Full PDB file with SEQRES, HELIX, SHEET, SSBOND, CRYST1, ORIGX, SCALE, CONECT and MASTER records, all heavy atoms in Angstrom:
SEQRES   1 A   41  ILE ALA GLY THR THR GLY LEU ALA LEU TRP LEU TRP THR          
SEQRES   2 A   41  SER ASP ARG VAL SER LEU GLY ALA ILE ALA LEU VAL THR          
SEQRES   3 A   41  ALA LEU ALA MET ARG ILE THR GLN MET SER GLY TRP GLY          
SEQRES   4 A   41  PHE ASN                                                      
HELIX    1 AA1 ALA A    2  THR A   13  1                                  12    
HELIX    2 AA2 LEU A   19  GLN A   34  1                                  16    
HELIX    3 AA3 SER A   36  PHE A   40  1                                   5    
CRYST1    1.000    1.000    1.000  90.00  90.00  90.00 P 1           1          
ORIGX1      1.000000  0.000000  0.000000        0.00000                         
ORIGX2      0.000000  1.000000  0.000000        0.00000                         
ORIGX3      0.000000  0.000000  1.000000        0.00000                         
SCALE1      1.000000  0.000000  0.000000        0.00000                         
SCALE2      0.000000  1.000000  0.000000        0.00000                         
SCALE3      0.000000  0.000000  1.000000        0.00000                         
ATOM      1  N   ILE A   1      69.467  69.506 134.658  1.00  0.00           N  
ATOM      2  CA  ILE A   1      70.125  68.293 135.165  1.00  0.00           C  
ATOM      3  C   ILE A   1      69.173  67.474 136.032  1.00  0.00           C  
ATOM      4  O   ILE A   1      69.040  66.250 135.859  1.00  0.00           O  
ATOM      5  CB  ILE A   1      71.393  68.666 135.958  1.00  0.00           C  
ATOM      6  CG1 ILE A   1      72.422  69.313 135.039  1.00  0.00           C  
ATOM      7  CG2 ILE A   1      71.989  67.425 136.624  1.00  0.00           C  
ATOM      8  CD1 ILE A   1      73.620  69.889 135.768  1.00  0.00           C  
ATOM      9  N   ALA A   2      68.502  68.162 136.951  1.00  0.00           N  
ATOM     10  CA  ALA A   2      67.574  67.441 137.833  1.00  0.00           C  
ATOM     11  C   ALA A   2      66.400  66.868 137.052  1.00  0.00           C  
ATOM     12  O   ALA A   2      65.957  65.737 137.301  1.00  0.00           O  
ATOM     13  CB  ALA A   2      67.064  68.392 138.925  1.00  0.00           C  
ATOM     14  N   GLY A   3      65.897  67.634 136.088  1.00  0.00           N  
ATOM     15  CA  GLY A   3      64.741  67.176 135.320  1.00  0.00           C  
ATOM     16  C   GLY A   3      65.050  65.974 134.458  1.00  0.00           C  
ATOM     17  O   GLY A   3      64.286  64.991 134.449  1.00  0.00           O  
ATOM     18  N   THR A   4      66.163  66.024 133.718  1.00  0.00           N  
ATOM     19  CA  THR A   4      66.506  64.904 132.836  1.00  0.00           C  
ATOM     20  C   THR A   4      66.879  63.659 133.637  1.00  0.00           C  
ATOM     21  O   THR A   4      66.447  62.545 133.328  1.00  0.00           O  
ATOM     22  CB  THR A   4      67.673  65.280 131.901  1.00  0.00           C  
ATOM     23  OG1 THR A   4      68.765  65.797 132.676  1.00  0.00           O  
ATOM     24  CG2 THR A   4      67.249  66.305 130.883  1.00  0.00           C  
ATOM     25  N   THR A   5      67.681  63.849 134.689  1.00  0.00           N  
ATOM     26  CA  THR A   5      68.096  62.688 135.494  1.00  0.00           C  
ATOM     27  C   THR A   5      66.905  62.088 136.238  1.00  0.00           C  
ATOM     28  O   THR A   5      66.730  60.862 136.280  1.00  0.00           O  
ATOM     29  CB  THR A   5      69.190  63.095 136.494  1.00  0.00           C  
ATOM     30  OG1 THR A   5      70.282  63.699 135.799  1.00  0.00           O  
ATOM     31  CG2 THR A   5      69.690  61.885 137.260  1.00  0.00           C  
ATOM     32  N   GLY A   6      66.071  62.955 136.835  1.00  0.00           N  
ATOM     33  CA  GLY A   6      64.900  62.454 137.557  1.00  0.00           C  
ATOM     34  C   GLY A   6      63.932  61.724 136.644  1.00  0.00           C  
ATOM     35  O   GLY A   6      63.417  60.659 136.998  1.00  0.00           O  
ATOM     36  N   LEU A   7      63.694  62.293 135.461  1.00  0.00           N  
ATOM     37  CA  LEU A   7      62.790  61.643 134.513  1.00  0.00           C  
ATOM     38  C   LEU A   7      63.364  60.315 134.034  1.00  0.00           C  
ATOM     39  O   LEU A   7      62.633  59.317 133.901  1.00  0.00           O  
ATOM     40  CB  LEU A   7      62.533  62.575 133.324  1.00  0.00           C  
ATOM     41  CG  LEU A   7      61.578  62.068 132.236  1.00  0.00           C  
ATOM     42  CD1 LEU A   7      60.208  61.708 132.841  1.00  0.00           C  
ATOM     43  CD2 LEU A   7      61.411  63.111 131.136  1.00  0.00           C  
ATOM     44  N   ALA A   8      64.690  60.290 133.780  1.00  0.00           N  
ATOM     45  CA  ALA A   8      65.327  59.047 133.347  1.00  0.00           C  
ATOM     46  C   ALA A   8      65.239  57.977 134.431  1.00  0.00           C  
ATOM     47  O   ALA A   8      64.976  56.801 134.143  1.00  0.00           O  
ATOM     48  CB  ALA A   8      66.781  59.314 132.975  1.00  0.00           C  
ATOM     49  N   LEU A   9      65.425  58.372 135.676  1.00  0.00           N  
ATOM     50  CA  LEU A   9      65.316  57.410 136.773  1.00  0.00           C  
ATOM     51  C   LEU A   9      63.885  56.873 136.888  1.00  0.00           C  
ATOM     52  O   LEU A   9      63.671  55.672 137.126  1.00  0.00           O  
ATOM     53  CB  LEU A   9      65.730  58.072 138.092  1.00  0.00           C  
ATOM     54  CG  LEU A   9      67.227  58.285 138.307  1.00  0.00           C  
ATOM     55  CD1 LEU A   9      67.479  59.165 139.526  1.00  0.00           C  
ATOM     56  CD2 LEU A   9      67.941  56.937 138.459  1.00  0.00           C  
ATOM     57  N   TRP A  10      62.903  57.754 136.729  1.00  0.00           N  
ATOM     58  CA  TRP A  10      61.500  57.319 136.793  1.00  0.00           C  
ATOM     59  C   TRP A  10      61.181  56.344 135.667  1.00  0.00           C  
ATOM     60  O   TRP A  10      60.505  55.321 135.882  1.00  0.00           O  
ATOM     61  CB  TRP A  10      60.596  58.543 136.707  1.00  0.00           C  
ATOM     62  CG  TRP A  10      59.131  58.182 136.723  1.00  0.00           C  
ATOM     63  CD1 TRP A  10      58.395  57.765 137.782  1.00  0.00           C  
ATOM     64  CD2 TRP A  10      58.256  58.192 135.595  1.00  0.00           C  
ATOM     65  NE1 TRP A  10      57.091  57.502 137.400  1.00  0.00           N  
ATOM     66  CE2 TRP A  10      56.981  57.762 136.046  1.00  0.00           C  
ATOM     67  CE3 TRP A  10      58.404  58.526 134.259  1.00  0.00           C  
ATOM     68  CZ2 TRP A  10      55.886  57.653 135.198  1.00  0.00           C  
ATOM     69  CZ3 TRP A  10      57.313  58.420 133.409  1.00  0.00           C  
ATOM     70  CH2 TRP A  10      56.067  57.988 133.886  1.00  0.00           C  
ATOM     71  N   LEU A  11      61.689  56.630 134.473  1.00  0.00           N  
ATOM     72  CA  LEU A  11      61.479  55.714 133.344  1.00  0.00           C  
ATOM     73  C   LEU A  11      62.202  54.389 133.570  1.00  0.00           C  
ATOM     74  O   LEU A  11      61.721  53.333 133.153  1.00  0.00           O  
ATOM     75  CB  LEU A  11      61.956  56.367 132.046  1.00  0.00           C  
ATOM     76  CG  LEU A  11      61.124  57.561 131.555  1.00  0.00           C  
ATOM     77  CD1 LEU A  11      61.823  58.264 130.402  1.00  0.00           C  
ATOM     78  CD2 LEU A  11      59.729  57.097 131.121  1.00  0.00           C  
ATOM     79  N   TRP A  12      63.372  54.446 134.235  1.00  0.00           N  
ATOM     80  CA  TRP A  12      64.116  53.212 134.516  1.00  0.00           C  
ATOM     81  C   TRP A  12      63.346  52.327 135.491  1.00  0.00           C  
ATOM     82  O   TRP A  12      63.354  51.094 135.361  1.00  0.00           O  
ATOM     83  CB  TRP A  12      65.486  53.574 135.087  1.00  0.00           C  
ATOM     84  CG  TRP A  12      66.265  52.391 135.577  1.00  0.00           C  
ATOM     85  CD1 TRP A  12      66.874  51.426 134.826  1.00  0.00           C  
ATOM     86  CD2 TRP A  12      66.515  52.046 136.951  1.00  0.00           C  
ATOM     87  NE1 TRP A  12      67.494  50.509 135.631  1.00  0.00           N  
ATOM     88  CE2 TRP A  12      67.294  50.866 136.946  1.00  0.00           C  
ATOM     89  CE3 TRP A  12      66.175  52.630 138.168  1.00  0.00           C  
ATOM     90  CZ2 TRP A  12      67.725  50.257 138.114  1.00  0.00           C  
ATOM     91  CZ3 TRP A  12      66.598  52.025 139.336  1.00  0.00           C  
ATOM     92  CH2 TRP A  12      67.363  50.843 139.302  1.00  0.00           C  
ATOM     93  N   THR A  13      62.670  52.949 136.476  1.00  0.00           N  
ATOM     94  CA  THR A  13      61.894  52.157 137.432  1.00  0.00           C  
ATOM     95  C   THR A  13      60.745  51.425 136.752  1.00  0.00           C  
ATOM     96  O   THR A  13      60.246  50.424 137.262  1.00  0.00           O  
ATOM     97  CB  THR A  13      61.323  53.041 138.562  1.00  0.00           C  
ATOM     98  OG1 THR A  13      60.469  54.046 138.001  1.00  0.00           O  
ATOM     99  CG2 THR A  13      62.450  53.696 139.353  1.00  0.00           C  
ATOM    100  N   SER A  14      60.313  51.950 135.589  1.00  0.00           N  
ATOM    101  CA  SER A  14      59.265  51.280 134.815  1.00  0.00           C  
ATOM    102  C   SER A  14      59.851  50.411 133.707  1.00  0.00           C  
ATOM    103  O   SER A  14      59.130  49.943 132.826  1.00  0.00           O  
ATOM    104  CB  SER A  14      58.330  52.328 134.190  1.00  0.00           C  
ATOM    105  OG  SER A  14      57.792  53.179 135.169  1.00  0.00           O  
ATOM    106  N   ASP A  15      61.172  50.226 133.757  1.00  0.00           N  
ATOM    107  CA  ASP A  15      61.887  49.416 132.769  1.00  0.00           C  
ATOM    108  C   ASP A  15      61.717  49.968 131.340  1.00  0.00           C  
ATOM    109  O   ASP A  15      61.654  49.222 130.372  1.00  0.00           O  
ATOM    110  CB  ASP A  15      61.410  47.957 132.820  1.00  0.00           C  
ATOM    111  CG  ASP A  15      62.458  47.004 132.243  1.00  0.00           C  
ATOM    112  OD1 ASP A  15      63.654  47.371 132.267  1.00  0.00           O  
ATOM    113  OD2 ASP A  15      62.074  45.938 131.745  1.00  0.00           O  
ATOM    114  N   ARG A  16      61.646  51.310 131.245  1.00  0.00           N  
ATOM    115  CA  ARG A  16      61.512  51.941 129.926  1.00  0.00           C  
ATOM    116  C   ARG A  16      62.875  52.332 129.339  1.00  0.00           C  
ATOM    117  O   ARG A  16      63.002  52.442 128.125  1.00  0.00           O  
ATOM    118  CB  ARG A  16      60.629  53.191 130.034  1.00  0.00           C  
ATOM    119  CG  ARG A  16      59.241  52.923 130.592  1.00  0.00           C  
ATOM    120  CD  ARG A  16      58.418  52.096 129.627  1.00  0.00           C  
ATOM    121  NE  ARG A  16      57.091  51.823 130.140  1.00  0.00           N  
ATOM    122  CZ  ARG A  16      56.047  52.633 129.966  1.00  0.00           C  
ATOM    123  NH1 ARG A  16      56.187  53.760 129.301  1.00  0.00           N  
ATOM    124  NH2 ARG A  16      54.872  52.310 130.470  1.00  0.00           N  
ATOM    125  N   VAL A  17      63.841  52.607 130.196  1.00  0.00           N  
ATOM    126  CA  VAL A  17      65.189  52.945 129.727  1.00  0.00           C  
ATOM    127  C   VAL A  17      66.209  52.141 130.524  1.00  0.00           C  
ATOM    128  O   VAL A  17      65.911  51.625 131.608  1.00  0.00           O  
ATOM    129  CB  VAL A  17      65.497  54.458 129.872  1.00  0.00           C  
ATOM    130  CG1 VAL A  17      64.546  55.305 129.056  1.00  0.00           C  
ATOM    131  CG2 VAL A  17      65.482  54.884 131.341  1.00  0.00           C  
ATOM    132  N   SER A  18      67.421  52.063 129.989  1.00  0.00           N  
ATOM    133  CA  SER A  18      68.473  51.286 130.639  1.00  0.00           C  
ATOM    134  C   SER A  18      69.299  52.173 131.565  1.00  0.00           C  
ATOM    135  O   SER A  18      69.190  53.404 131.549  1.00  0.00           O  
ATOM    136  CB  SER A  18      69.389  50.658 129.582  1.00  0.00           C  
ATOM    137  OG  SER A  18      70.075  51.685 128.862  1.00  0.00           O  
ATOM    138  N   LEU A  19      70.171  51.535 132.332  1.00  0.00           N  
ATOM    139  CA  LEU A  19      71.092  52.292 133.182  1.00  0.00           C  
ATOM    140  C   LEU A  19      72.036  53.145 132.334  1.00  0.00           C  
ATOM    141  O   LEU A  19      72.400  54.255 132.704  1.00  0.00           O  
ATOM    142  CB  LEU A  19      71.899  51.331 134.056  1.00  0.00           C  
ATOM    143  CG  LEU A  19      71.151  50.675 135.228  1.00  0.00           C  
ATOM    144  CD1 LEU A  19      72.054  49.654 135.913  1.00  0.00           C  
ATOM    145  CD2 LEU A  19      70.705  51.727 136.225  1.00  0.00           C  
ATOM    146  N   GLY A  20      72.427  52.605 131.199  1.00  0.00           N  
ATOM    147  CA  GLY A  20      73.298  53.360 130.306  1.00  0.00           C  
ATOM    148  C   GLY A  20      72.635  54.630 129.815  1.00  0.00           C  
ATOM    149  O   GLY A  20      73.288  55.666 129.659  1.00  0.00           O  
ATOM    150  N   ALA A  21      71.328  54.556 129.569  1.00  0.00           N  
ATOM    151  CA  ALA A  21      70.600  55.752 129.115  1.00  0.00           C  
ATOM    152  C   ALA A  21      70.596  56.822 130.202  1.00  0.00           C  
ATOM    153  O   ALA A  21      70.704  58.021 129.906  1.00  0.00           O  
ATOM    154  CB  ALA A  21      69.168  55.371 128.734  1.00  0.00           C  
ATOM    155  N   ILE A  22      70.494  56.413 131.470  1.00  0.00           N  
ATOM    156  CA  ILE A  22      70.547  57.380 132.571  1.00  0.00           C  
ATOM    157  C   ILE A  22      71.897  58.079 132.594  1.00  0.00           C  
ATOM    158  O   ILE A  22      71.995  59.306 132.724  1.00  0.00           O  
ATOM    159  CB  ILE A  22      70.282  56.684 133.921  1.00  0.00           C  
ATOM    160  CG1 ILE A  22      68.874  56.086 133.951  1.00  0.00           C  
ATOM    161  CG2 ILE A  22      70.480  57.660 135.078  1.00  0.00           C  
ATOM    162  CD1 ILE A  22      68.579  55.283 135.201  1.00  0.00           C  
ATOM    163  N   ALA A  23      72.957  57.279 132.445  1.00  0.00           N  
ATOM    164  CA  ALA A  23      74.303  57.866 132.420  1.00  0.00           C  
ATOM    165  C   ALA A  23      74.466  58.805 131.234  1.00  0.00           C  
ATOM    166  O   ALA A  23      75.066  59.880 131.356  1.00  0.00           O  
ATOM    167  CB  ALA A  23      75.346  56.753 132.364  1.00  0.00           C  
ATOM    168  N   LEU A  24      73.904  58.431 130.084  1.00  0.00           N  
ATOM    169  CA  LEU A  24      74.036  59.245 128.882  1.00  0.00           C  
ATOM    170  C   LEU A  24      73.325  60.586 129.026  1.00  0.00           C  
ATOM    171  O   LEU A  24      73.908  61.649 128.754  1.00  0.00           O  
ATOM    172  CB  LEU A  24      73.471  58.480 127.681  1.00  0.00           C  
ATOM    173  CG  LEU A  24      73.459  59.238 126.349  1.00  0.00           C  
ATOM    174  CD1 LEU A  24      74.868  59.556 125.902  1.00  0.00           C  
ATOM    175  CD2 LEU A  24      72.721  58.434 125.281  1.00  0.00           C  
ATOM    176  N   VAL A  25      72.061  60.561 129.459  1.00  0.00           N  
ATOM    177  CA  VAL A  25      71.310  61.817 129.540  1.00  0.00           C  
ATOM    178  C   VAL A  25      71.892  62.732 130.617  1.00  0.00           C  
ATOM    179  O   VAL A  25      71.927  63.963 130.455  1.00  0.00           O  
ATOM    180  CB  VAL A  25      69.807  61.556 129.798  1.00  0.00           C  
ATOM    181  CG1 VAL A  25      69.205  60.739 128.661  1.00  0.00           C  
ATOM    182  CG2 VAL A  25      69.569  60.879 131.130  1.00  0.00           C  
ATOM    183  N   THR A  26      72.377  62.139 131.707  1.00  0.00           N  
ATOM    184  CA  THR A  26      72.971  62.961 132.758  1.00  0.00           C  
ATOM    185  C   THR A  26      74.260  63.611 132.275  1.00  0.00           C  
ATOM    186  O   THR A  26      74.498  64.812 132.491  1.00  0.00           O  
ATOM    187  CB  THR A  26      73.255  62.117 134.013  1.00  0.00           C  
ATOM    188  OG1 THR A  26      72.035  61.519 134.459  1.00  0.00           O  
ATOM    189  CG2 THR A  26      73.840  62.967 135.118  1.00  0.00           C  
ATOM    190  N   ALA A  27      75.105  62.831 131.596  1.00  0.00           N  
ATOM    191  CA  ALA A  27      76.388  63.364 131.104  1.00  0.00           C  
ATOM    192  C   ALA A  27      76.162  64.463 130.073  1.00  0.00           C  
ATOM    193  O   ALA A  27      76.819  65.513 130.122  1.00  0.00           O  
ATOM    194  CB  ALA A  27      77.224  62.235 130.512  1.00  0.00           C  
ATOM    195  N   LEU A  28      75.258  64.237 129.130  1.00  0.00           N  
ATOM    196  CA  LEU A  28      75.022  65.252 128.099  1.00  0.00           C  
ATOM    197  C   LEU A  28      74.337  66.484 128.668  1.00  0.00           C  
ATOM    198  O   LEU A  28      74.633  67.615 128.252  1.00  0.00           O  
ATOM    199  CB  LEU A  28      74.187  64.654 126.962  1.00  0.00           C  
ATOM    200  CG  LEU A  28      74.926  63.679 126.041  1.00  0.00           C  
ATOM    201  CD1 LEU A  28      73.986  63.144 124.963  1.00  0.00           C  
ATOM    202  CD2 LEU A  28      76.129  64.346 125.393  1.00  0.00           C  
ATOM    203  N   ALA A  29      73.432  66.297 129.617  1.00  0.00           N  
ATOM    204  CA  ALA A  29      72.788  67.448 130.252  1.00  0.00           C  
ATOM    205  C   ALA A  29      73.816  68.300 130.984  1.00  0.00           C  
ATOM    206  O   ALA A  29      73.798  69.542 130.908  1.00  0.00           O  
ATOM    207  CB  ALA A  29      71.704  66.984 131.215  1.00  0.00           C  
ATOM    208  N   MET A  30      74.730  67.662 131.690  1.00  0.00           N  
ATOM    209  CA  MET A  30      75.769  68.398 132.398  1.00  0.00           C  
ATOM    210  C   MET A  30      76.695  69.118 131.423  1.00  0.00           C  
ATOM    211  O   MET A  30      77.113  70.254 131.660  1.00  0.00           O  
ATOM    212  CB  MET A  30      76.571  67.455 133.295  1.00  0.00           C  
ATOM    213  CG  MET A  30      75.773  66.892 134.461  1.00  0.00           C  
ATOM    214  SD  MET A  30      76.714  65.742 135.492  1.00  0.00           S  
ATOM    215  CE  MET A  30      77.954  66.838 136.177  1.00  0.00           C  
ATOM    216  N   ARG A  31      76.993  68.473 130.297  1.00  0.00           N  
ATOM    217  CA  ARG A  31      77.866  69.111 129.305  1.00  0.00           C  
ATOM    218  C   ARG A  31      77.185  70.319 128.671  1.00  0.00           C  
ATOM    219  O   ARG A  31      77.820  71.361 128.448  1.00  0.00           O  
ATOM    220  CB  ARG A  31      78.242  68.086 128.229  1.00  0.00           C  
ATOM    221  CG  ARG A  31      79.189  68.619 127.168  1.00  0.00           C  
ATOM    222  CD  ARG A  31      80.452  69.162 127.780  1.00  0.00           C  
ATOM    223  NE  ARG A  31      81.338  69.708 126.777  1.00  0.00           N  
ATOM    224  CZ  ARG A  31      82.237  70.655 126.995  1.00  0.00           C  
ATOM    225  NH1 ARG A  31      82.336  71.174 128.210  1.00  0.00           N  
ATOM    226  NH2 ARG A  31      83.009  71.095 126.038  1.00  0.00           N  
ATOM    227  N   ILE A  32      75.901  70.202 128.394  1.00  0.00           N  
ATOM    228  CA  ILE A  32      75.156  71.326 127.808  1.00  0.00           C  
ATOM    229  C   ILE A  32      75.129  72.503 128.779  1.00  0.00           C  
ATOM    230  O   ILE A  32      75.296  73.657 128.378  1.00  0.00           O  
ATOM    231  CB  ILE A  32      73.735  70.881 127.432  1.00  0.00           C  
ATOM    232  CG1 ILE A  32      73.785  69.940 126.223  1.00  0.00           C  
ATOM    233  CG2 ILE A  32      72.844  72.079 127.119  1.00  0.00           C  
ATOM    234  CD1 ILE A  32      72.468  69.266 125.914  1.00  0.00           C  
ATOM    235  N   THR A  33      74.914  72.221 130.064  1.00  0.00           N  
ATOM    236  CA  THR A  33      74.885  73.318 131.040  1.00  0.00           C  
ATOM    237  C   THR A  33      76.253  73.977 131.173  1.00  0.00           C  
ATOM    238  O   THR A  33      76.355  75.191 131.401  1.00  0.00           O  
ATOM    239  CB  THR A  33      74.417  72.818 132.415  1.00  0.00           C  
ATOM    240  OG1 THR A  33      75.319  71.806 132.901  1.00  0.00           O  
ATOM    241  CG2 THR A  33      73.023  72.235 132.332  1.00  0.00           C  
ATOM    242  N   GLN A  34      77.321  73.193 131.036  1.00  0.00           N  
ATOM    243  CA  GLN A  34      78.658  73.769 131.096  1.00  0.00           C  
ATOM    244  C   GLN A  34      78.907  74.751 129.955  1.00  0.00           C  
ATOM    245  O   GLN A  34      79.661  75.708 130.092  1.00  0.00           O  
ATOM    246  CB  GLN A  34      79.713  72.659 131.061  1.00  0.00           C  
ATOM    247  CG  GLN A  34      79.777  71.837 132.335  1.00  0.00           C  
ATOM    248  CD  GLN A  34      80.667  70.617 132.205  1.00  0.00           C  
ATOM    249  OE1 GLN A  34      81.218  70.329 131.139  1.00  0.00           O  
ATOM    250  NE2 GLN A  34      80.812  69.880 133.291  1.00  0.00           N  
ATOM    251  N   MET A  35      78.265  74.511 128.821  1.00  0.00           N  
ATOM    252  CA  MET A  35      78.466  75.372 127.657  1.00  0.00           C  
ATOM    253  C   MET A  35      77.432  76.487 127.572  1.00  0.00           C  
ATOM    254  O   MET A  35      77.482  77.307 126.657  1.00  0.00           O  
ATOM    255  CB  MET A  35      78.408  74.539 126.373  1.00  0.00           C  
ATOM    256  CG  MET A  35      79.532  73.527 126.239  1.00  0.00           C  
ATOM    257  SD  MET A  35      79.513  72.701 124.637  1.00  0.00           S  
ATOM    258  CE  MET A  35      77.924  71.914 124.676  1.00  0.00           C  
ATOM    259  N   SER A  36      76.507  76.529 128.508  1.00  0.00           N  
ATOM    260  CA  SER A  36      75.451  77.534 128.426  1.00  0.00           C  
ATOM    261  C   SER A  36      76.002  78.951 128.536  1.00  0.00           C  
ATOM    262  O   SER A  36      75.428  79.897 127.989  1.00  0.00           O  
ATOM    263  CB  SER A  36      74.408  77.300 129.524  1.00  0.00           C  
ATOM    264  OG  SER A  36      74.985  77.470 130.812  1.00  0.00           O  
ATOM    265  N   GLY A  37      77.107  79.095 129.243  1.00  0.00           N  
ATOM    266  CA  GLY A  37      77.716  80.414 129.361  1.00  0.00           C  
ATOM    267  C   GLY A  37      78.271  80.942 128.057  1.00  0.00           C  
ATOM    268  O   GLY A  37      78.461  82.153 127.893  1.00  0.00           O  
ATOM    269  N   TRP A  38      78.556  80.036 127.103  1.00  0.00           N  
ATOM    270  CA  TRP A  38      79.094  80.470 125.812  1.00  0.00           C  
ATOM    271  C   TRP A  38      78.107  81.361 125.079  1.00  0.00           C  
ATOM    272  O   TRP A  38      78.490  82.360 124.476  1.00  0.00           O  
ATOM    273  CB  TRP A  38      79.425  79.255 124.953  1.00  0.00           C  
ATOM    274  CG  TRP A  38      80.597  78.468 125.425  1.00  0.00           C  
ATOM    275  CD1 TRP A  38      81.304  78.654 126.590  1.00  0.00           C  
ATOM    276  CD2 TRP A  38      81.208  77.365 124.768  1.00  0.00           C  
ATOM    277  NE1 TRP A  38      82.307  77.730 126.679  1.00  0.00           N  
ATOM    278  CE2 TRP A  38      82.280  76.923 125.602  1.00  0.00           C  
ATOM    279  CE3 TRP A  38      80.966  76.679 123.586  1.00  0.00           C  
ATOM    280  CZ2 TRP A  38      83.098  75.846 125.253  1.00  0.00           C  
ATOM    281  CZ3 TRP A  38      81.778  75.622 123.243  1.00  0.00           C  
ATOM    282  CH2 TRP A  38      82.825  75.197 124.061  1.00  0.00           C  
ATOM    283  N   GLY A  39      76.836  80.976 125.127  1.00  0.00           N  
ATOM    284  CA  GLY A  39      75.832  81.792 124.440  1.00  0.00           C  
ATOM    285  C   GLY A  39      75.729  83.184 125.038  1.00  0.00           C  
ATOM    286  O   GLY A  39      75.585  84.176 124.320  1.00  0.00           O  
ATOM    287  N   PHE A  40      75.835  83.248 126.360  1.00  0.00           N  
ATOM    288  CA  PHE A  40      75.821  84.538 127.052  1.00  0.00           C  
ATOM    289  C   PHE A  40      77.024  85.388 126.647  1.00  0.00           C  
ATOM    290  O   PHE A  40      76.893  86.563 126.280  1.00  0.00           O  
ATOM    291  CB  PHE A  40      75.792  84.290 128.555  1.00  0.00           C  
ATOM    292  CG  PHE A  40      76.080  85.502 129.379  1.00  0.00           C  
ATOM    293  CD1 PHE A  40      75.289  86.641 129.266  1.00  0.00           C  
ATOM    294  CD2 PHE A  40      77.141  85.507 130.281  1.00  0.00           C  
ATOM    295  CE1 PHE A  40      75.558  87.773 130.036  1.00  0.00           C  
ATOM    296  CE2 PHE A  40      77.415  86.626 131.042  1.00  0.00           C  
ATOM    297  CZ  PHE A  40      76.616  87.749 130.923  1.00  0.00           C  
ATOM    298  N   ASN A  41      78.215  84.790 126.701  1.00  0.00           N  
ATOM    299  CA  ASN A  41      79.420  85.527 126.330  1.00  0.00           C  
ATOM    300  C   ASN A  41      79.417  85.926 124.859  1.00  0.00           C  
ATOM    301  O   ASN A  41      79.865  87.015 124.496  1.00  0.00           O  
ATOM    302  CB  ASN A  41      80.664  84.681 126.634  1.00  0.00           C  
ATOM    303  CG  ASN A  41      80.880  84.469 128.106  1.00  0.00           C  
ATOM    304  OD1 ASN A  41      80.529  85.329 128.911  1.00  0.00           O  
ATOM    305  ND2 ASN A  41      81.427  83.331 128.490  1.00  0.00           N  
TER     306      ASN A  41                                                      
MASTER        0    0    0    3    0    0    0    6  305    1    0    4          
END                                                                             
């Protein structure tokens, strides 16, 4: 979560990605981490 969001914010400061892209990568990263326990179980 920290890596994807931080990288997206850094790219946004260079006008490489949009605000929507930051929201997208953060939301999907959080969703993936929520499901990470499924593989363990």
